[in-house]
Amino acid sequence: MRVESINGKKYILVIVDDYSRFTWVKFLRSKDETPMFIIKFLKMIQQNGVVERRNRTLIEAAPTMLIYAQAPLFLWAEAVATACFTQNR
């Protein structure tokens, strides 16, 4: 997203457990925060079609939710988190 979230986050890191398909979403202020978070998930992370499809689904869901709710764009992180929560259910 090109708009900062309400908490000043600009980037999103999506992690999908390949076995269970459980998805984690981490919002980052800068790309420099990524290595610390990735270390925790090092054994589960694999960039593949599953992750790319899940990432695309989450990123496409956020604007749809914001438009439908007539919410401001800076709430994009909350929309992505809600989409992730919904998919994990």
PDB file of N, CA and C in Angstrom:
ATOM      1  N   MET A   1       0.846  -1.175   0.000  1.00  0.00           N
ATOM      2  CA  MET A   1       0.000   0.000   0.000  1.00  0.00           C
ATOM      3  C   MET A   1       0.890   1.237   0.000  1.00  0.00           C
ATOM      4  N   ARG A   2       0.425   2.278  -0.622  1.00  0.00           N
ATOM      5  CA  ARG A   2       1.220   3.501  -0.691  1.00  0.00           C
ATOM      6  C   ARG A   2       0.827   4.501   0.384  1.00  0.00           C
ATOM      7  N   VAL A   3      -0.221   4.205   1.114  1.00  0.00           N
ATOM      8  CA  VAL A   3      -0.691   5.087   2.164  1.00  0.00           C
ATOM      9  C   VAL A   3      -0.283   4.485   3.501  1.00  0.00           C
ATOM     10  N   GLU A   4       0.255   5.310   4.399  1.00  0.00           N
ATOM     11  CA  GLU A   4       0.611   4.809   5.722  1.00  0.00           C
ATOM     12  C   GLU A   4      -0.644   4.433   6.483  1.00  0.00           C
ATOM     13  N   SER A   5      -0.527   3.380   7.300  1.00  0.00           N
ATOM     14  CA  SER A   5      -1.655   2.974   8.134  1.00  0.00           C
ATOM     15  C   SER A   5      -1.806   3.965   9.283  1.00  0.00           C
ATOM     16  N   ILE A   6      -2.809   3.749  10.087  1.00  0.00           N
ATOM     17  CA  ILE A   6      -3.065   4.632  11.217  1.00  0.00           C
ATOM     18  C   ILE A   6      -1.894   4.629  12.200  1.00  0.00           C
ATOM     19  N   ASN A   7      -1.125   3.540  12.233  1.00  0.00           N
ATOM     20  CA  ASN A   7       0.038   3.434  13.122  1.00  0.00           C
ATOM     21  C   ASN A   7       1.347   3.759  12.412  1.00  0.00           C
ATOM     22  N   GLY A   8       1.286   4.292  11.214  1.00  0.00           N
ATOM     23  CA  GLY A   8       2.486   4.680  10.487  1.00  0.00           C
ATOM     24  C   GLY A   8       3.193   3.539   9.779  1.00  0.00           C
ATOM     25  N   LYS A   9       2.506   2.424   9.578  1.00  0.00           N
ATOM     26  CA  LYS A   9       3.114   1.273   8.900  1.00  0.00           C
ATOM     27  C   LYS A   9       2.947   1.442   7.396  1.00  0.00           C
ATOM     28  N   LYS A  10       3.987   1.022   6.648  1.00  0.00           N
ATOM     29  CA  LYS A  10       3.951   1.160   5.195  1.00  0.00           C
ATOM     30  C   LYS A  10       4.054  -0.166   4.466  1.00  0.00           C
ATOM     31  N   TYR A  11       4.557  -1.185   5.141  1.00  0.00           N
ATOM     32  CA  TYR A  11       4.832  -2.457   4.483  1.00  0.00           C
ATOM     33  C   TYR A  11       4.088  -3.583   5.185  1.00  0.00           C
ATOM     34  N   ILE A  12       3.883  -4.657   4.434  1.00  0.00           N
ATOM     35  CA  ILE A  12       3.196  -5.823   4.967  1.00  0.00           C
ATOM     36  C   ILE A  12       4.042  -7.057   4.664  1.00  0.00           C
ATOM     37  N   LEU A  13       4.200  -7.902   5.666  1.00  0.00           N
ATOM     38  CA  LEU A  13       4.895  -9.174   5.510  1.00  0.00           C
ATOM     39  C   LEU A  13       3.864 -10.265   5.759  1.00  0.00           C
ATOM     40  N   VAL A  14       3.639 -11.110   4.759  1.00  0.00           N
ATOM     41  CA  VAL A  14       2.662 -12.194   4.862  1.00  0.00           C
ATOM     42  C   VAL A  14       3.414 -13.509   4.973  1.00  0.00           C
ATOM     43  N   ILE A  15       3.088 -14.285   6.001  1.00  0.00           N
ATOM     44  CA  ILE A  15       3.723 -15.582   6.223  1.00  0.00           C
ATOM     45  C   ILE A  15       2.628 -16.634   6.267  1.00  0.00           C
ATOM     46  N   VAL A  16       2.796 -17.693   5.461  1.00  0.00           N
ATOM     47  CA  VAL A  16       1.813 -18.772   5.386  1.00  0.00           C
ATOM     48  C   VAL A  16       2.476 -20.078   5.791  1.00  0.00           C
ATOM     49  N   ASP A  17       1.868 -20.780   6.751  1.00  0.00           N
ATOM     50  CA  ASP A  17       2.330 -22.114   7.118  1.00  0.00           C
ATOM     51  C   ASP A  17       1.906 -23.060   6.001  1.00  0.00           C
ATOM     52  N   ASP A  18       2.875 -23.682   5.363  1.00  0.00           N
ATOM     53  CA  ASP A  18       2.607 -24.517   4.197  1.00  0.00           C
ATOM     54  C   ASP A  18       1.721 -25.712   4.540  1.00  0.00           C
ATOM     55  N   TYR A  19       1.825 -26.229   5.749  1.00  0.00           N
ATOM     56  CA  TYR A  19       1.039 -27.401   6.131  1.00  0.00           C
ATOM     57  C   TYR A  19      -0.408 -27.032   6.453  1.00  0.00           C
ATOM     58  N   SER A  20      -0.572 -26.090   7.358  1.00  0.00           N
ATOM     59  CA  SER A  20      -1.921 -25.763   7.831  1.00  0.00           C
ATOM     60  C   SER A  20      -2.584 -24.637   7.049  1.00  0.00           C
ATOM     61  N   ARG A  21      -1.806 -23.909   6.254  1.00  0.00           N
ATOM     62  CA  ARG A  21      -2.280 -22.736   5.511  1.00  0.00           C
ATOM     63  C   ARG A  21      -2.641 -21.574   6.442  1.00  0.00           C
ATOM     64  N   PHE A  22      -2.259 -21.677   7.712  1.00  0.00           N
ATOM     65  CA  PHE A  22      -2.484 -20.574   8.639  1.00  0.00           C
ATOM     66  C   PHE A  22      -1.633 -19.398   8.187  1.00  0.00           C
ATOM     67  N   THR A  23      -2.183 -18.203   8.254  1.00  0.00           N
ATOM     68  CA  THR A  23      -1.517 -17.013   7.739  1.00  0.00           C
ATOM     69  C   THR A  23      -1.252 -16.013   8.857  1.00  0.00           C
ATOM     70  N   TRP A  24      -0.043 -15.486   8.872  1.00  0.00           N
ATOM     71  CA  TRP A  24       0.315 -14.401   9.769  1.00  0.00           C
ATOM     72  C   TRP A  24       0.545 -13.168   8.926  1.00  0.00           C
ATOM     73  N   VAL A  25       0.150 -12.022   9.451  1.00  0.00           N
ATOM     74  CA  VAL A  25       0.392 -10.748   8.781  1.00  0.00           C
ATOM     75  C   VAL A  25       1.141  -9.856   9.758  1.00  0.00           C
ATOM     76  N   LYS A  26       2.247  -9.323   9.326  1.00  0.00           N
ATOM     77  CA  LYS A  26       3.044  -8.413  10.146  1.00  0.00           C
ATOM     78  C   LYS A  26       3.150  -7.093   9.399  1.00  0.00           C
ATOM     79  N   PHE A  27       2.808  -6.010  10.060  1.00  0.00           N
ATOM     80  CA  PHE A  27       2.890  -4.686   9.460  1.00  0.00           C
ATOM     81  C   PHE A  27       4.196  -4.031   9.900  1.00  0.00           C
ATOM     82  N   LEU A  28       4.904  -3.451   8.953  1.00  0.00           N
ATOM     83  CA  LEU A  28       6.238  -2.914   9.207  1.00  0.00           C
ATOM     84  C   LEU A  28       6.320  -1.438   8.843  1.00  0.00           C
ATOM     85  N   ARG A  29       7.075  -0.685   9.635  1.00  0.00           N
ATOM     86  CA  ARG A  29       7.322   0.717   9.301  1.00  0.00           C
ATOM     87  C   ARG A  29       8.341   0.827   8.175  1.00  0.00           C
ATOM     88  N   SER A  30       9.342  -0.067   8.214  1.00  0.00           N
ATOM     89  CA  SER A  30      10.364  -0.078   7.170  1.00  0.00           C
ATOM     90  C   SER A  30      10.753  -1.516   6.883  1.00  0.00           C
ATOM     91  N   LYS A  31      11.384  -1.708   5.756  1.00  0.00           N
ATOM     92  CA  LYS A  31      11.810  -3.053   5.378  1.00  0.00           C
ATOM     93  C   LYS A  31      12.912  -3.571   6.299  1.00  0.00           C
ATOM     94  N   ASP A  32      13.578  -2.684   7.016  1.00  0.00           N
ATOM     95  CA  ASP A  32      14.645  -3.082   7.933  1.00  0.00           C
ATOM     96  C   ASP A  32      14.138  -3.935   9.095  1.00  0.00           C
ATOM     97  N   GLU A  33      12.857  -3.881   9.397  1.00  0.00           N
ATOM     98  CA  GLU A  33      12.286  -4.662  10.491  1.00  0.00           C
ATOM     99  C   GLU A  33      12.091  -6.129  10.116  1.00  0.00           C
ATOM    100  N   THR A  34      12.168  -6.432   8.838  1.00  0.00           N
ATOM    101  CA  THR A  34      11.870  -7.777   8.350  1.00  0.00           C
ATOM    102  C   THR A  34      12.768  -8.867   8.921  1.00  0.00           C
ATOM    103  N   PRO A  35      14.096  -8.719   8.929  1.00  0.00           N
ATOM    104  CA  PRO A  35      14.945  -9.832   9.385  1.00  0.00           C
ATOM    105  C   PRO A  35      14.632 -10.323  10.796  1.00  0.00           C
ATOM    106  N   MET A  36      14.366  -9.406  11.720  1.00  0.00           N
ATOM    107  CA  MET A  36      14.066  -9.830  13.090  1.00  0.00           C
ATOM    108  C   MET A  36      12.801 -10.674  13.131  1.00  0.00           C
ATOM    109  N   PHE A  37      11.813 -10.279  12.350  1.00  0.00           N
ATOM    110  CA  PHE A  37      10.562 -11.031  12.360  1.00  0.00           C
ATOM    111  C   PHE A  37      10.714 -12.367  11.632  1.00  0.00           C
ATOM    112  N   ILE A  38      11.478 -12.383  10.561  1.00  0.00           N
ATOM    113  CA  ILE A  38      11.661 -13.614   9.787  1.00  0.00           C
ATOM    114  C   ILE A  38      12.404 -14.675  10.586  1.00  0.00           C
ATOM    115  N   ILE A  39      13.338 -14.273  11.427  1.00  0.00           N
ATOM    116  CA  ILE A  39      14.093 -15.242  12.225  1.00  0.00           C
ATOM    117  C   ILE A  39      13.148 -16.123  13.037  1.00  0.00           C
ATOM    118  N   LYS A  40      12.070 -15.554  13.550  1.00  0.00           N
ATOM    119  CA  LYS A  40      11.100 -16.316  14.340  1.00  0.00           C
ATOM    120  C   LYS A  40      10.388 -17.370  13.500  1.00  0.00           C
ATOM    121  N   PHE A  41      10.248 -17.115  12.232  1.00  0.00           N
ATOM    122  CA  PHE A  41       9.479 -17.998  11.359  1.00  0.00           C
ATOM    123  C   PHE A  41      10.346 -18.702  10.315  1.00  0.00           C
ATOM    124  N   LEU A  42      11.639 -18.732  10.528  1.00  0.00           N
ATOM    125  CA  LEU A  42      12.575 -19.212   9.521  1.00  0.00           C
ATOM    126  C   LEU A  42      12.246 -20.606   9.007  1.00  0.00           C
ATOM    127  N   LYS A  43      11.813 -21.489   9.866  1.00  0.00           N
ATOM    128  CA  LYS A  43      11.537 -22.857   9.436  1.00  0.00           C
ATOM    129  C   LYS A  43      10.239 -22.977   8.642  1.00  0.00           C
ATOM    130  N   MET A  44       9.364 -22.014   8.779  1.00  0.00           N
ATOM    131  CA  MET A  44       8.073 -22.103   8.105  1.00  0.00           C
ATOM    132  C   MET A  44       8.020 -21.327   6.791  1.00  0.00           C
ATOM    133  N   ILE A  45       8.931 -20.395   6.630  1.00  0.00           N
ATOM    134  CA  ILE A  45       8.846 -19.499   5.477  1.00  0.00           C
ATOM    135  C   ILE A  45       9.308 -20.193   4.207  1.00  0.00           C
ATOM    136  N   GLN A  46       8.488 -20.077   3.202  1.00  0.00           N
ATOM    137  CA  GLN A  46       8.853 -20.564   1.877  1.00  0.00           C
ATOM    138  C   GLN A  46       8.088 -19.716   0.875  1.00  0.00           C
ATOM    139  N   GLN A  47       8.792 -19.047   0.009  1.00  0.00           N
ATOM    140  CA  GLN A  47       8.130 -18.238  -1.008  1.00  0.00           C
ATOM    141  C   GLN A  47       7.729 -19.155  -2.152  1.00  0.00           C
ATOM    142  N   ASN A  48       6.459 -19.337  -2.319  1.00  0.00           N
ATOM    143  CA  ASN A  48       5.965 -20.205  -3.384  1.00  0.00           C
ATOM    144  C   ASN A  48       4.598 -19.710  -3.840  1.00  0.00           C
ATOM    145  N   GLY A  49       3.960 -20.474  -4.675  1.00  0.00           N
ATOM    146  CA  GLY A  49       2.666 -20.078  -5.213  1.00  0.00           C
ATOM    147  C   GLY A  49       1.604 -19.883  -4.155  1.00  0.00           C
ATOM    148  N   VAL A  50       1.650 -20.696  -3.100  1.00  0.00           N
ATOM    149  CA  VAL A  50       0.651 -20.581  -2.035  1.00  0.00           C
ATOM    150  C   VAL A  50       0.751 -19.212  -1.374  1.00  0.00           C
ATOM    151  N   VAL A  51       1.963 -18.818  -1.019  1.00  0.00           N
ATOM    152  CA  VAL A  51       2.167 -17.529  -0.363  1.00  0.00           C
ATOM    153  C   VAL A  51       1.788 -16.389  -1.296  1.00  0.00           C
ATOM    154  N   GLU A  52       2.186 -16.495  -2.546  1.00  0.00           N
ATOM    155  CA  GLU A  52       1.886 -15.426  -3.495  1.00  0.00           C
ATOM    156  C   GLU A  52       0.381 -15.276  -3.711  1.00  0.00           C
ATOM    157  N   ARG A  53      -0.335 -16.388  -3.795  1.00  0.00           N
ATOM    158  CA  ARG A  53      -1.795 -16.308  -3.954  1.00  0.00           C
ATOM    159  C   ARG A  53      -2.452 -15.721  -2.709  1.00  0.00           C
ATOM    160  N   ARG A  54      -1.984 -16.148  -1.532  1.00  0.00           N
ATOM    161  CA  ARG A  54      -2.562 -15.624  -0.290  1.00  0.00           C
ATOM    162  C   ARG A  54      -2.283 -14.132  -0.167  1.00  0.00           C
ATOM    163  N   ASN A  55      -1.072 -13.727  -0.500  1.00  0.00           N
ATOM    164  CA  ASN A  55      -0.715 -12.313  -0.451  1.00  0.00           C
ATOM    165  C   ASN A  55      -1.616 -11.509  -1.383  1.00  0.00           C
ATOM    166  N   ARG A  56      -1.794 -11.992  -2.595  1.00  0.00           N
ATOM    167  CA  ARG A  56      -2.642 -11.289  -3.563  1.00  0.00           C
ATOM    168  C   ARG A  56      -4.083 -11.208  -3.052  1.00  0.00           C
ATOM    169  N   THR A  57      -4.581 -12.294  -2.474  1.00  0.00           N
ATOM    170  CA  THR A  57      -5.944 -12.311  -1.947  1.00  0.00           C
ATOM    171  C   THR A  57      -6.118 -11.267  -0.854  1.00  0.00           C
ATOM    172  N   LEU A  58      -5.156 -11.196   0.060  1.00  0.00           N
ATOM    173  CA  LEU A  58      -5.242 -10.221   1.149  1.00  0.00           C
ATOM    174  C   LEU A  58      -5.164  -8.794   0.621  1.00  0.00           C
ATOM    175  N   ILE A  59      -4.244  -8.556  -0.303  1.00  0.00           N
ATOM    176  CA  ILE A  59      -4.061  -7.207  -0.835  1.00  0.00           C
ATOM    177  C   ILE A  59      -5.265  -6.773  -1.668  1.00  0.00           C
ATOM    178  N   GLU A  60      -5.920  -7.705  -2.338  1.00  0.00           N
ATOM    179  CA  GLU A  60      -7.114  -7.358  -3.113  1.00  0.00           C
ATOM    180  C   GLU A  60      -8.329  -7.167  -2.212  1.00  0.00           C
ATOM    181  N   ALA A  61      -8.377  -7.867  -1.099  1.00  0.00           N
ATOM    182  CA  ALA A  61      -9.525  -7.766  -0.197  1.00  0.00           C
ATOM    183  C   ALA A  61      -9.557  -6.419   0.519  1.00  0.00           C
ATOM    184  N   ALA A  62      -8.396  -5.893   0.869  1.00  0.00           N
ATOM    185  CA  ALA A  62      -8.338  -4.662   1.660  1.00  0.00           C
ATOM    186  C   ALA A  62      -9.036  -3.481   0.981  1.00  0.00           C
ATOM    187  N   PRO A  63      -8.695  -3.137  -0.266  1.00  0.00           N
ATOM    188  CA  PRO A  63      -9.385  -2.001  -0.885  1.00  0.00           C
ATOM    189  C   PRO A  63     -10.888  -2.236  -1.043  1.00  0.00           C
ATOM    190  N   THR A  64     -11.252  -3.474  -1.316  1.00  0.00           N
ATOM    191  CA  THR A  64     -12.672  -3.797  -1.451  1.00  0.00           C
ATOM    192  C   THR A  64     -13.410  -3.509  -0.153  1.00  0.00           C
ATOM    193  N   MET A  65     -12.820  -3.942   0.959  1.00  0.00           N
ATOM    194  CA  MET A  65     -13.443  -3.702   2.262  1.00  0.00           C
ATOM    195  C   MET A  65     -13.518  -2.210   2.571  1.00  0.00           C
ATOM    196  N   LEU A  66     -12.455  -1.486   2.260  1.00  0.00           N
ATOM    197  CA  LEU A  66     -12.433  -0.048   2.542  1.00  0.00           C
ATOM    198  C   LEU A  66     -13.458   0.703   1.701  1.00  0.00           C
ATOM    199  N   ILE A  67     -13.559   0.344   0.434  1.00  0.00           N
ATOM    200  CA  ILE A  67     -14.534   1.005  -0.444  1.00  0.00           C
ATOM    201  C   ILE A  67     -15.952   0.712   0.022  1.00  0.00           C
ATOM    202  N   TYR A  68     -16.220  -0.555   0.334  1.00  0.00           N
ATOM    203  CA  TYR A  68     -17.561  -0.939   0.770  1.00  0.00           C
ATOM    204  C   TYR A  68     -17.948  -0.219   2.063  1.00  0.00           C
ATOM    205  N   ALA A  69     -16.989  -0.089   2.976  1.00  0.00           N
ATOM    206  CA  ALA A  69     -17.262   0.558   4.261  1.00  0.00           C
ATOM    207  C   ALA A  69     -17.130   2.079   4.185  1.00  0.00           C
ATOM    208  N   GLN A  70     -16.724   2.592   3.034  1.00  0.00           N
ATOM    209  CA  GLN A  70     -16.463   4.018   2.848  1.00  0.00           C
ATOM    210  C   GLN A  70     -15.496   4.529   3.918  1.00  0.00           C
ATOM    211  N   ALA A  71     -14.468   3.723   4.174  1.00  0.00           N
ATOM    212  CA  ALA A  71     -13.464   4.046   5.189  1.00  0.00           C
ATOM    213  C   ALA A  71     -12.266   4.738   4.533  1.00  0.00           C
ATOM    214  N   PRO A  72     -11.535   5.542   5.297  1.00  0.00           N
ATOM    215  CA  PRO A  72     -10.352   6.206   4.743  1.00  0.00           C
ATOM    216  C   PRO A  72      -9.236   5.205   4.448  1.00  0.00           C
ATOM    217  N   LEU A  73      -8.380   5.559   3.500  1.00  0.00           N
ATOM    218  CA  LEU A  73      -7.319   4.655   3.052  1.00  0.00           C
ATOM    219  C   LEU A  73      -6.291   4.324   4.126  1.00  0.00           C
ATOM    220  N   PHE A  74      -6.108   5.213   5.123  1.00  0.00           N
ATOM    221  CA  PHE A  74      -5.087   4.925   6.126  1.00  0.00           C
ATOM    222  C   PHE A  74      -5.467   3.739   7.017  1.00  0.00           C
ATOM    223  N   LEU A  75      -6.673   3.216   6.871  1.00  0.00           N
ATOM    224  CA  LEU A  75      -7.092   2.025   7.619  1.00  0.00           C
ATOM    225  C   LEU A  75      -6.794   0.739   6.857  1.00  0.00           C
ATOM    226  N   TRP A  76      -5.921   0.807   5.839  1.00  0.00           N
ATOM    227  CA  TRP A  76      -5.630  -0.369   5.012  1.00  0.00           C
ATOM    228  C   TRP A  76      -5.063  -1.519   5.833  1.00  0.00           C
ATOM    229  N   ALA A  77      -4.220  -1.236   6.823  1.00  0.00           N
ATOM    230  CA  ALA A  77      -3.615  -2.314   7.620  1.00  0.00           C
ATOM    231  C   ALA A  77      -4.685  -3.060   8.413  1.00  0.00           C
ATOM    232  N   GLU A  78      -5.643  -2.328   8.947  1.00  0.00           N
ATOM    233  CA  GLU A  78      -6.728  -2.968   9.678  1.00  0.00           C
ATOM    234  C   GLU A  78      -7.579  -3.828   8.739  1.00  0.00           C
ATOM    235  N   ALA A  79      -7.774  -3.363   7.508  1.00  0.00           N
ATOM    236  CA  ALA A  79      -8.536  -4.144   6.528  1.00  0.00           C
ATOM    237  C   ALA A  79      -7.803  -5.434   6.167  1.00  0.00           C
ATOM    238  N   VAL A  80      -6.481  -5.367   5.992  1.00  0.00           N
ATOM    239  CA  VAL A  80      -5.702  -6.572   5.681  1.00  0.00           C
ATOM    240  C   VAL A  80      -5.738  -7.537   6.863  1.00  0.00           C
ATOM    241  N   ALA A  81      -5.594  -7.010   8.082  1.00  0.00           N
ATOM    242  CA  ALA A  81      -5.644  -7.863   9.274  1.00  0.00           C
ATOM    243  C   ALA A  81      -7.003  -8.548   9.396  1.00  0.00           C
ATOM    244  N   THR A  82      -8.071  -7.835   9.083  1.00  0.00           N
ATOM    245  CA  THR A  82      -9.410  -8.419   9.127  1.00  0.00           C
ATOM    246  C   THR A  82      -9.573  -9.496   8.068  1.00  0.00           C
ATOM    247  N   ALA A  83      -9.068  -9.252   6.873  1.00  0.00           N
ATOM    248  CA  ALA A  83      -9.131 -10.260   5.809  1.00  0.00           C
ATOM    249  C   ALA A  83      -8.339 -11.501   6.201  1.00  0.00           C
ATOM    250  N   CYS A  84      -7.187 -11.310   6.818  1.00  0.00           N
ATOM    251  CA  CYS A  84      -6.362 -12.435   7.269  1.00  0.00           C
ATOM    252  C   CYS A  84      -7.098 -13.222   8.346  1.00  0.00           C
ATOM    253  N   PHE A  85      -7.691 -12.523   9.300  1.00  0.00           N
ATOM    254  CA  PHE A  85      -8.455 -13.181  10.365  1.00  0.00           C
ATOM    255  C   PHE A  85      -9.592 -14.006   9.775  1.00  0.00           C
ATOM    256  N   THR A  86     -10.288 -13.433   8.806  1.00  0.00           N
ATOM    257  CA  THR A  86     -11.410 -14.127   8.166  1.00  0.00           C
ATOM    258  C   THR A  86     -10.942 -15.376   7.434  1.00  0.00           C
ATOM    259  N   GLN A  87      -9.816 -15.302   6.740  1.00  0.00           N
ATOM    260  CA  GLN A  87      -9.311 -16.467   6.006  1.00  0.00           C
ATOM    261  C   GLN A  87      -8.806 -17.561   6.936  1.00  0.00           C
ATOM    262  N   ASN A  88      -8.314 -17.179   8.110  1.00  0.00           N
ATOM    263  CA  ASN A  88      -7.810 -18.173   9.056  1.00  0.00           C
ATOM    264  C   ASN A  88      -8.933 -18.895   9.789  1.00  0.00           C
ATOM    265  N   ARG A  89     -10.127 -18.414   9.709  1.00  0.00           N
ATOM    266  CA  ARG A  89     -11.270 -19.044  10.396  1.00  0.00           C
ATOM    267  C   ARG A  89     -11.756 -20.234   9.654  1.00  0.00           C
TER     268      ARG A  89
END
